[in-house]
Amino acid sequence: MQQLNNYRALTGMLLAWLLSACSQPEKADEQVLITADIAFSEMAATDGVGKAFIHYADSNAMIVHERQHPMSGLTEITKAYSSFPASTSLSWRPLHAEIAASGDLGYTFGEYELTANDSTARKEYGYYITVWKRQPDGSWKYVFDTGSEKPLN
């Protein structure tokens, strides 16, 4: 229970920081992040979840999932996602995006669906937040990714 409270507090602090850092960007700016997030999801569908999470990770990226230790840095993310089960699919769609006034950081918020196409046939639906950083070449890579299952009711 304490870990869950810590997770919620961390997520709340991150959101508060992001909202304070973001101004009202132009629609074109928001669309850049939405487009990057959609391409990330499409790569997960066509090339595999592991390959997509490795490809779109910034070198200092961090991934935080419930009931798991955080993954920090491209080396750790590569190690974890290189063995992501091919029988499990993950898709998502962004619902909202904002970019900081500085133009170098932003976030997307959306819904995801995870399906284990194995004997468990597990399905999970939830929400995610991905924090993006503009790269020197103008592309966007994530620096923080987290998600949470939807409530049961």
N, C-alpha and C. Protein backbone atom coordinates (compact mmCIF):
# COMPACT_ATOMS: atom_id res chain seq x y z
N MET A 1 0.82 -1.18 0.00
CA MET A 1 0.00 0.00 0.00
C MET A 1 0.87 1.26 0.00
N GLN A 2 1.97 1.21 0.76
CA GLN A 2 2.87 2.36 0.82
C GLN A 2 3.48 2.63 -0.55
N GLN A 3 3.85 1.54 -1.30
CA GLN A 3 4.41 1.73 -2.64
C GLN A 3 3.40 2.38 -3.57
N LEU A 4 2.14 1.97 -3.45
CA LEU A 4 1.09 2.56 -4.29
C LEU A 4 0.93 4.04 -3.96
N ASN A 5 0.96 4.38 -2.68
CA ASN A 5 0.86 5.80 -2.29
C ASN A 5 2.06 6.59 -2.79
N ASN A 6 3.25 5.98 -2.73
CA ASN A 6 4.45 6.64 -3.26
C ASN A 6 4.33 6.84 -4.76
N TYR A 7 3.82 5.83 -5.46
CA TYR A 7 3.63 5.90 -6.91
C TYR A 7 2.67 7.03 -7.25
N ARG A 8 1.56 7.10 -6.53
CA ARG A 8 0.57 8.16 -6.78
C ARG A 8 1.16 9.54 -6.49
N ALA A 9 1.91 9.65 -5.41
CA ALA A 9 2.53 10.93 -5.06
C ALA A 9 3.53 11.35 -6.13
N LEU A 10 4.35 10.41 -6.60
CA LEU A 10 5.32 10.70 -7.66
C LEU A 10 4.62 11.15 -8.93
N THR A 11 3.56 10.44 -9.30
CA THR A 11 2.82 10.80 -10.51
C THR A 11 2.16 12.17 -10.35
N GLY A 12 1.60 12.44 -9.18
CA GLY A 12 0.99 13.74 -8.92
C GLY A 12 1.99 14.88 -9.00
N MET A 13 3.18 14.67 -8.43
CA MET A 13 4.22 15.71 -8.49
C MET A 13 4.66 15.94 -9.92
N LEU A 14 4.81 14.85 -10.69
CA LEU A 14 5.21 14.98 -12.08
C LEU A 14 4.18 15.77 -12.88
N LEU A 15 2.92 15.45 -12.69
CA LEU A 15 1.87 16.17 -13.40
C LEU A 15 1.84 17.65 -13.02
N ALA A 16 1.99 17.94 -11.72
CA ALA A 16 2.00 19.34 -11.28
C ALA A 16 3.17 20.08 -11.92
N TRP A 17 4.34 19.45 -11.98
CA TRP A 17 5.51 20.09 -12.60
C TRP A 17 5.27 20.33 -14.08
N LEU A 18 4.73 19.32 -14.75
CA LEU A 18 4.48 19.45 -16.18
C LEU A 18 3.47 20.56 -16.47
N LEU A 19 2.40 20.58 -15.71
CA LEU A 19 1.38 21.60 -15.95
C LEU A 19 1.92 23.00 -15.69
N SER A 20 2.79 23.13 -14.70
CA SER A 20 3.37 24.45 -14.44
C SER A 20 4.37 24.84 -15.53
N ALA A 21 4.98 23.86 -16.18
CA ALA A 21 5.97 24.14 -17.21
C ALA A 21 5.36 24.38 -18.58
N CYS A 22 4.11 23.96 -18.75
CA CYS A 22 3.48 24.04 -20.06
C CYS A 22 2.61 25.29 -20.18
N SER A 23 2.67 25.89 -21.34
CA SER A 23 1.78 27.00 -21.64
C SER A 23 0.81 26.53 -22.72
N GLN A 24 -0.02 27.40 -23.20
CA GLN A 24 -0.94 27.04 -24.27
C GLN A 24 -0.17 27.05 -25.59
N PRO A 25 0.26 25.87 -26.06
CA PRO A 25 0.99 25.82 -27.32
C PRO A 25 0.04 25.95 -28.50
N GLU A 26 0.60 26.25 -29.64
CA GLU A 26 -0.20 26.28 -30.86
C GLU A 26 -0.63 24.86 -31.19
N LYS A 27 -1.75 24.74 -31.87
CA LYS A 27 -2.27 23.42 -32.25
C LYS A 27 -1.23 22.62 -33.03
N ALA A 28 -0.47 23.26 -33.89
CA ALA A 28 0.55 22.56 -34.67
C ALA A 28 1.57 21.90 -33.75
N ASP A 29 1.95 22.58 -32.67
CA ASP A 29 2.91 22.01 -31.73
C ASP A 29 2.34 20.76 -31.06
N GLU A 30 1.10 20.85 -30.60
CA GLU A 30 0.47 19.69 -29.97
C GLU A 30 0.41 18.51 -30.94
N GLN A 31 0.11 18.80 -32.18
CA GLN A 31 -0.02 17.75 -33.19
C GLN A 31 1.30 17.02 -33.40
N VAL A 32 2.41 17.70 -33.25
CA VAL A 32 3.72 17.06 -33.39
C VAL A 32 3.87 15.93 -32.38
N LEU A 33 3.48 16.18 -31.13
CA LEU A 33 3.58 15.14 -30.10
C LEU A 33 2.57 14.03 -30.33
N ILE A 34 1.37 14.38 -30.72
CA ILE A 34 0.35 13.37 -31.01
C ILE A 34 0.82 12.47 -32.15
N THR A 35 1.40 13.07 -33.17
CA THR A 35 1.92 12.31 -34.30
C THR A 35 3.05 11.38 -33.85
N ALA A 36 3.95 11.87 -33.01
CA ALA A 36 5.05 11.04 -32.50
C ALA A 36 4.51 9.88 -31.67
N ASP A 37 3.51 10.15 -30.84
CA ASP A 37 2.93 9.11 -29.99
C ASP A 37 2.21 8.05 -30.83
N ILE A 38 1.50 8.48 -31.86
CA ILE A 38 0.82 7.53 -32.75
C ILE A 38 1.85 6.68 -33.50
N ALA A 39 2.92 7.29 -33.97
CA ALA A 39 3.97 6.53 -34.66
C ALA A 39 4.61 5.51 -33.72
N PHE A 40 4.79 5.88 -32.47
CA PHE A 40 5.33 4.99 -31.44
C PHE A 40 4.40 3.77 -31.30
N SER A 41 3.09 4.01 -31.16
CA SER A 41 2.12 2.92 -31.04
C SER A 41 2.08 2.05 -32.30
N GLU A 42 2.15 2.69 -33.46
CA GLU A 42 2.13 1.93 -34.71
C GLU A 42 3.37 1.04 -34.84
N MET A 43 4.52 1.54 -34.39
CA MET A 43 5.73 0.73 -34.42
C MET A 43 5.59 -0.47 -33.49
N ALA A 44 4.96 -0.26 -32.34
CA ALA A 44 4.73 -1.37 -31.41
C ALA A 44 3.86 -2.45 -32.06
N ALA A 45 2.89 -2.02 -32.85
CA ALA A 45 1.98 -2.97 -33.51
C ALA A 45 2.66 -3.71 -34.66
N THR A 46 3.51 -3.02 -35.41
CA THR A 46 4.10 -3.65 -36.59
C THR A 46 5.44 -4.34 -36.32
N ASP A 47 6.28 -3.72 -35.48
CA ASP A 47 7.63 -4.24 -35.25
C ASP A 47 7.82 -4.90 -33.89
N GLY A 48 6.83 -4.77 -33.02
CA GLY A 48 6.91 -5.34 -31.68
C GLY A 48 7.04 -4.28 -30.61
N VAL A 49 6.45 -4.56 -29.47
CA VAL A 49 6.44 -3.62 -28.36
C VAL A 49 7.86 -3.31 -27.88
N GLY A 50 8.66 -4.35 -27.74
CA GLY A 50 10.02 -4.16 -27.25
C GLY A 50 10.83 -3.24 -28.15
N LYS A 51 10.78 -3.50 -29.45
CA LYS A 51 11.55 -2.69 -30.40
C LYS A 51 11.11 -1.22 -30.36
N ALA A 52 9.79 -0.99 -30.23
CA ALA A 52 9.29 0.38 -30.20
C ALA A 52 9.74 1.11 -28.94
N PHE A 53 9.65 0.44 -27.78
CA PHE A 53 10.05 1.10 -26.53
C PHE A 53 11.55 1.39 -26.50
N ILE A 54 12.33 0.56 -27.13
CA ILE A 54 13.77 0.82 -27.21
C ILE A 54 14.04 1.96 -28.20
N HIS A 55 13.42 1.93 -29.36
CA HIS A 55 13.65 2.94 -30.40
C HIS A 55 13.27 4.35 -29.94
N TYR A 56 12.15 4.49 -29.26
CA TYR A 56 11.65 5.81 -28.88
C TYR A 56 12.19 6.32 -27.54
N ALA A 57 13.04 5.56 -26.87
CA ALA A 57 13.58 5.96 -25.57
C ALA A 57 14.73 6.94 -25.72
N ASP A 58 14.69 8.02 -24.95
CA ASP A 58 15.83 8.92 -24.80
C ASP A 58 16.90 8.15 -24.01
N SER A 59 18.14 8.52 -24.13
CA SER A 59 19.21 7.79 -23.43
C SER A 59 19.04 7.82 -21.91
N ASN A 60 18.33 8.82 -21.39
CA ASN A 60 18.10 8.93 -19.95
C ASN A 60 16.66 8.61 -19.55
N ALA A 61 15.95 7.89 -20.40
CA ALA A 61 14.54 7.62 -20.16
C ALA A 61 14.31 6.80 -18.89
N MET A 62 13.11 6.97 -18.33
CA MET A 62 12.70 6.20 -17.16
C MET A 62 11.28 5.69 -17.41
N ILE A 63 11.05 4.43 -17.05
CA ILE A 63 9.72 3.83 -17.15
C ILE A 63 9.33 3.36 -15.75
N VAL A 64 8.12 3.75 -15.34
CA VAL A 64 7.61 3.36 -14.03
C VAL A 64 6.26 2.68 -14.23
N HIS A 65 6.18 1.41 -13.80
CA HIS A 65 4.93 0.65 -13.87
C HIS A 65 4.54 0.23 -12.46
N GLU A 66 3.25 0.10 -12.23
CA GLU A 66 2.77 -0.36 -10.93
C GLU A 66 3.35 -1.74 -10.62
N ARG A 67 3.66 -1.94 -9.37
CA ARG A 67 4.15 -3.22 -8.86
C ARG A 67 5.46 -3.68 -9.52
N GLN A 68 6.23 -2.74 -10.06
CA GLN A 68 7.53 -3.06 -10.66
C GLN A 68 8.54 -1.99 -10.25
N HIS A 69 9.80 -2.37 -10.23
CA HIS A 69 10.85 -1.39 -9.98
C HIS A 69 10.98 -0.50 -11.21
N PRO A 70 11.29 0.78 -11.02
CA PRO A 70 11.50 1.66 -12.17
C PRO A 70 12.67 1.19 -13.03
N MET A 71 12.54 1.42 -14.33
CA MET A 71 13.63 1.17 -15.27
C MET A 71 14.23 2.52 -15.60
N SER A 72 15.54 2.63 -15.54
CA SER A 72 16.18 3.92 -15.76
C SER A 72 17.35 3.78 -16.74
N GLY A 73 17.29 4.56 -17.81
CA GLY A 73 18.36 4.56 -18.80
C GLY A 73 18.11 3.58 -19.93
N LEU A 74 18.66 3.90 -21.07
CA LEU A 74 18.46 3.09 -22.27
C LEU A 74 18.99 1.66 -22.13
N THR A 75 20.09 1.49 -21.42
CA THR A 75 20.65 0.14 -21.24
C THR A 75 19.68 -0.76 -20.49
N GLU A 76 19.11 -0.25 -19.40
CA GLU A 76 18.17 -1.04 -18.60
C GLU A 76 16.87 -1.29 -19.38
N ILE A 77 16.40 -0.28 -20.09
CA ILE A 77 15.17 -0.42 -20.89
C ILE A 77 15.39 -1.44 -22.01
N THR A 78 16.54 -1.39 -22.65
CA THR A 78 16.85 -2.35 -23.71
C THR A 78 16.88 -3.77 -23.16
N LYS A 79 17.51 -3.94 -22.01
CA LYS A 79 17.58 -5.26 -21.39
C LYS A 79 16.17 -5.79 -21.09
N ALA A 80 15.32 -4.95 -20.53
CA ALA A 80 13.97 -5.38 -20.15
C ALA A 80 13.08 -5.63 -21.37
N TYR A 81 13.13 -4.75 -22.36
CA TYR A 81 12.22 -4.84 -23.49
C TYR A 81 12.71 -5.74 -24.62
N SER A 82 13.96 -6.15 -24.60
CA SER A 82 14.46 -7.08 -25.62
C SER A 82 13.78 -8.44 -25.50
N SER A 83 13.31 -8.76 -24.30
CA SER A 83 12.64 -10.05 -24.09
C SER A 83 11.13 -9.88 -23.91
N PHE A 84 10.58 -8.77 -24.38
CA PHE A 84 9.13 -8.57 -24.27
C PHE A 84 8.44 -9.65 -25.10
N PRO A 85 7.46 -10.35 -24.51
CA PRO A 85 6.83 -11.47 -25.23
C PRO A 85 6.18 -11.04 -26.54
N ALA A 86 6.53 -11.72 -27.61
CA ALA A 86 5.95 -11.42 -28.92
C ALA A 86 4.46 -11.71 -28.94
N SER A 87 4.00 -12.57 -28.03
CA SER A 87 2.58 -12.93 -27.98
C SER A 87 1.74 -11.87 -27.27
N THR A 88 2.38 -10.85 -26.72
CA THR A 88 1.65 -9.78 -26.03
C THR A 88 1.64 -8.53 -26.90
N SER A 89 0.45 -8.00 -27.11
CA SER A 89 0.35 -6.76 -27.90
C SER A 89 -0.04 -5.61 -26.99
N LEU A 90 0.41 -4.44 -27.35
CA LEU A 90 0.12 -3.22 -26.61
C LEU A 90 -0.16 -2.13 -27.62
N SER A 91 -1.30 -1.51 -27.49
CA SER A 91 -1.64 -0.39 -28.37
C SER A 91 -2.16 0.74 -27.51
N TRP A 92 -2.04 1.95 -28.02
CA TRP A 92 -2.51 3.10 -27.28
C TRP A 92 -2.87 4.22 -28.23
N ARG A 93 -3.61 5.18 -27.69
CA ARG A 93 -3.97 6.35 -28.49
C ARG A 93 -3.95 7.57 -27.59
N PRO A 94 -3.28 8.61 -28.04
CA PRO A 94 -3.22 9.83 -27.24
C PRO A 94 -4.57 10.57 -27.27
N LEU A 95 -4.94 11.13 -26.13
CA LEU A 95 -6.15 11.92 -26.01
C LEU A 95 -5.84 13.41 -25.84
N HIS A 96 -4.64 13.70 -25.37
CA HIS A 96 -4.27 15.09 -25.09
C HIS A 96 -2.76 15.23 -25.17
N ALA A 97 -2.30 16.39 -25.56
CA ALA A 97 -0.87 16.69 -25.58
C ALA A 97 -0.65 18.16 -25.26
N GLU A 98 0.46 18.45 -24.63
CA GLU A 98 0.89 19.83 -24.39
C GLU A 98 2.40 19.90 -24.53
N ILE A 99 2.87 21.06 -24.94
CA ILE A 99 4.31 21.31 -25.06
C ILE A 99 4.64 22.53 -24.22
N ALA A 100 5.75 22.46 -23.49
CA ALA A 100 6.22 23.57 -22.66
C ALA A 100 6.52 24.77 -23.54
N ALA A 101 6.43 25.95 -22.94
CA ALA A 101 6.71 27.19 -23.67
C ALA A 101 8.12 27.17 -24.27
N SER A 102 9.04 26.47 -23.63
CA SER A 102 10.42 26.37 -24.14
C SER A 102 10.50 25.56 -25.42
N GLY A 103 9.47 24.72 -25.68
CA GLY A 103 9.44 23.92 -26.90
C GLY A 103 10.27 22.66 -26.87
N ASP A 104 10.90 22.35 -25.72
CA ASP A 104 11.77 21.17 -25.67
C ASP A 104 11.22 20.01 -24.85
N LEU A 105 10.14 20.23 -24.12
CA LEU A 105 9.51 19.17 -23.34
C LEU A 105 8.00 19.21 -23.56
N GLY A 106 7.38 18.06 -23.46
CA GLY A 106 5.94 17.99 -23.56
C GLY A 106 5.46 16.66 -23.05
N TYR A 107 4.14 16.49 -23.04
CA TYR A 107 3.60 15.21 -22.61
C TYR A 107 2.38 14.83 -23.42
N THR A 108 2.12 13.54 -23.46
CA THR A 108 0.88 13.02 -24.03
C THR A 108 0.20 12.20 -22.95
N PHE A 109 -1.11 12.22 -23.00
CA PHE A 109 -1.96 11.46 -22.09
C PHE A 109 -2.94 10.69 -22.95
N GLY A 110 -3.17 9.42 -22.62
CA GLY A 110 -4.11 8.65 -23.43
C GLY A 110 -4.52 7.35 -22.79
N GLU A 111 -5.12 6.50 -23.62
CA GLU A 111 -5.62 5.20 -23.19
C GLU A 111 -4.81 4.09 -23.85
N TYR A 112 -4.62 3.00 -23.12
CA TYR A 112 -3.90 1.87 -23.70
C TYR A 112 -4.70 0.58 -23.53
N GLU A 113 -4.32 -0.40 -24.34
CA GLU A 113 -4.89 -1.75 -24.24
C GLU A 113 -3.75 -2.75 -24.39
N LEU A 114 -3.62 -3.64 -23.42
CA LEU A 114 -2.61 -4.69 -23.45
C LEU A 114 -3.33 -6.02 -23.56
N THR A 115 -2.89 -6.86 -24.49
CA THR A 115 -3.52 -8.16 -24.71
C THR A 115 -2.43 -9.23 -24.74
N ALA A 116 -2.58 -10.21 -23.86
CA ALA A 116 -1.68 -11.36 -23.86
C ALA A 116 -2.32 -12.43 -24.73
N ASN A 117 -1.74 -12.66 -25.89
CA ASN A 117 -2.26 -13.65 -26.83
C ASN A 117 -1.64 -15.01 -26.54
N ASP A 118 -1.82 -15.45 -25.29
CA ASP A 118 -1.29 -16.74 -24.88
C ASP A 118 -2.38 -17.48 -24.10
N SER A 119 -2.02 -18.47 -23.33
CA SER A 119 -3.02 -19.26 -22.61
C SER A 119 -3.78 -18.46 -21.56
N THR A 120 -3.20 -17.35 -21.08
CA THR A 120 -3.90 -16.53 -20.08
C THR A 120 -4.98 -15.65 -20.71
N ALA A 121 -4.79 -15.27 -21.97
CA ALA A 121 -5.72 -14.39 -22.68
C ALA A 121 -6.06 -13.14 -21.86
N ARG A 122 -5.08 -12.67 -21.12
CA ARG A 122 -5.27 -11.51 -20.25
C ARG A 122 -5.47 -10.24 -21.07
N LYS A 123 -6.40 -9.41 -20.64
CA LYS A 123 -6.61 -8.09 -21.25
C LYS A 123 -6.53 -7.05 -20.15
N GLU A 124 -5.90 -5.94 -20.46
CA GLU A 124 -5.78 -4.85 -19.50
C GLU A 124 -6.04 -3.55 -20.25
N TYR A 125 -6.80 -2.69 -19.62
CA TYR A 125 -7.10 -1.37 -20.20
C TYR A 125 -6.67 -0.33 -19.18
N GLY A 126 -6.12 0.77 -19.67
CA GLY A 126 -5.69 1.79 -18.72
C GLY A 126 -5.37 3.11 -19.37
N TYR A 127 -4.76 3.96 -18.58
CA TYR A 127 -4.35 5.29 -19.01
C TYR A 127 -2.83 5.39 -18.90
N TYR A 128 -2.25 6.25 -19.71
CA TYR A 128 -0.79 6.43 -19.66
C TYR A 128 -0.45 7.92 -19.75
N ILE A 129 0.74 8.22 -19.30
CA ILE A 129 1.33 9.54 -19.47
C ILE A 129 2.75 9.31 -19.98
N THR A 130 3.09 9.97 -21.06
CA THR A 130 4.44 9.90 -21.60
C THR A 130 4.99 11.32 -21.68
N VAL A 131 6.15 11.52 -21.09
CA VAL A 131 6.83 12.81 -21.16
C VAL A 131 7.86 12.72 -22.27
N TRP A 132 7.83 13.69 -23.17
CA TRP A 132 8.68 13.70 -24.36
C TRP A 132 9.71 14.81 -24.29
N LYS A 133 10.88 14.57 -24.91
CA LYS A 133 11.94 15.58 -24.99
C LYS A 133 12.35 15.71 -26.46
N ARG A 134 12.40 16.96 -26.91
CA ARG A 134 12.85 17.20 -28.29
C ARG A 134 14.34 16.90 -28.37
N GLN A 135 14.71 16.14 -29.38
CA GLN A 135 16.10 15.76 -29.60
C GLN A 135 16.81 16.81 -30.45
N PRO A 136 18.14 16.82 -30.47
CA PRO A 136 18.87 17.81 -31.27
C PRO A 136 18.48 17.82 -32.75
N ASP A 137 18.05 16.66 -33.27
CA ASP A 137 17.67 16.60 -34.69
C ASP A 137 16.21 17.02 -34.91
N GLY A 138 15.50 17.41 -33.84
CA GLY A 138 14.12 17.87 -33.95
C GLY A 138 13.09 16.78 -33.69
N SER A 139 13.52 15.52 -33.62
CA SER A 139 12.59 14.43 -33.33
C SER A 139 12.27 14.44 -31.83
N TRP A 140 11.30 13.62 -31.44
CA TRP A 140 10.89 13.52 -30.04
C TRP A 140 11.11 12.10 -29.55
N LYS A 141 11.66 11.97 -28.34
CA LYS A 141 11.82 10.68 -27.67
C LYS A 141 11.28 10.82 -26.26
N TYR A 142 10.81 9.70 -25.71
CA TYR A 142 10.26 9.81 -24.36
C TYR A 142 11.38 9.79 -23.32
N VAL A 143 11.16 10.56 -22.25
CA VAL A 143 12.07 10.56 -21.11
C VAL A 143 11.41 9.96 -19.88
N PHE A 144 10.08 9.83 -19.91
CA PHE A 144 9.36 9.23 -18.79
C PHE A 144 8.07 8.63 -19.32
N ASP A 145 7.79 7.40 -18.90
CA ASP A 145 6.55 6.74 -19.32
C ASP A 145 5.98 5.99 -18.13
N THR A 146 4.68 6.15 -17.93
CA THR A 146 4.00 5.43 -16.87
C THR A 146 2.57 5.18 -17.27
N GLY A 147 1.94 4.22 -16.65
CA GLY A 147 0.55 3.91 -16.92
C GLY A 147 -0.12 3.29 -15.71
N SER A 148 -1.43 3.27 -15.75
CA SER A 148 -2.21 2.72 -14.65
C SER A 148 -3.48 2.09 -15.21
N GLU A 149 -3.83 0.92 -14.71
CA GLU A 149 -5.05 0.26 -15.14
C GLU A 149 -6.27 1.13 -14.82
N LYS A 150 -7.29 1.01 -15.67
CA LYS A 150 -8.54 1.72 -15.42
C LYS A 150 -9.21 1.12 -14.19
N PRO A 151 -9.93 1.94 -13.45
CA PRO A 151 -10.68 1.40 -12.30
C PRO A 151 -11.70 0.36 -12.78
N LEU A 152 -12.06 -0.55 -11.91
CA LEU A 152 -12.98 -1.61 -12.26
C LEU A 152 -14.42 -1.11 -12.42
N ASN A 153 -14.76 0.00 -11.80
CA ASN A 153 -16.14 0.51 -11.92
C ASN A 153 -16.21 1.76 -12.74
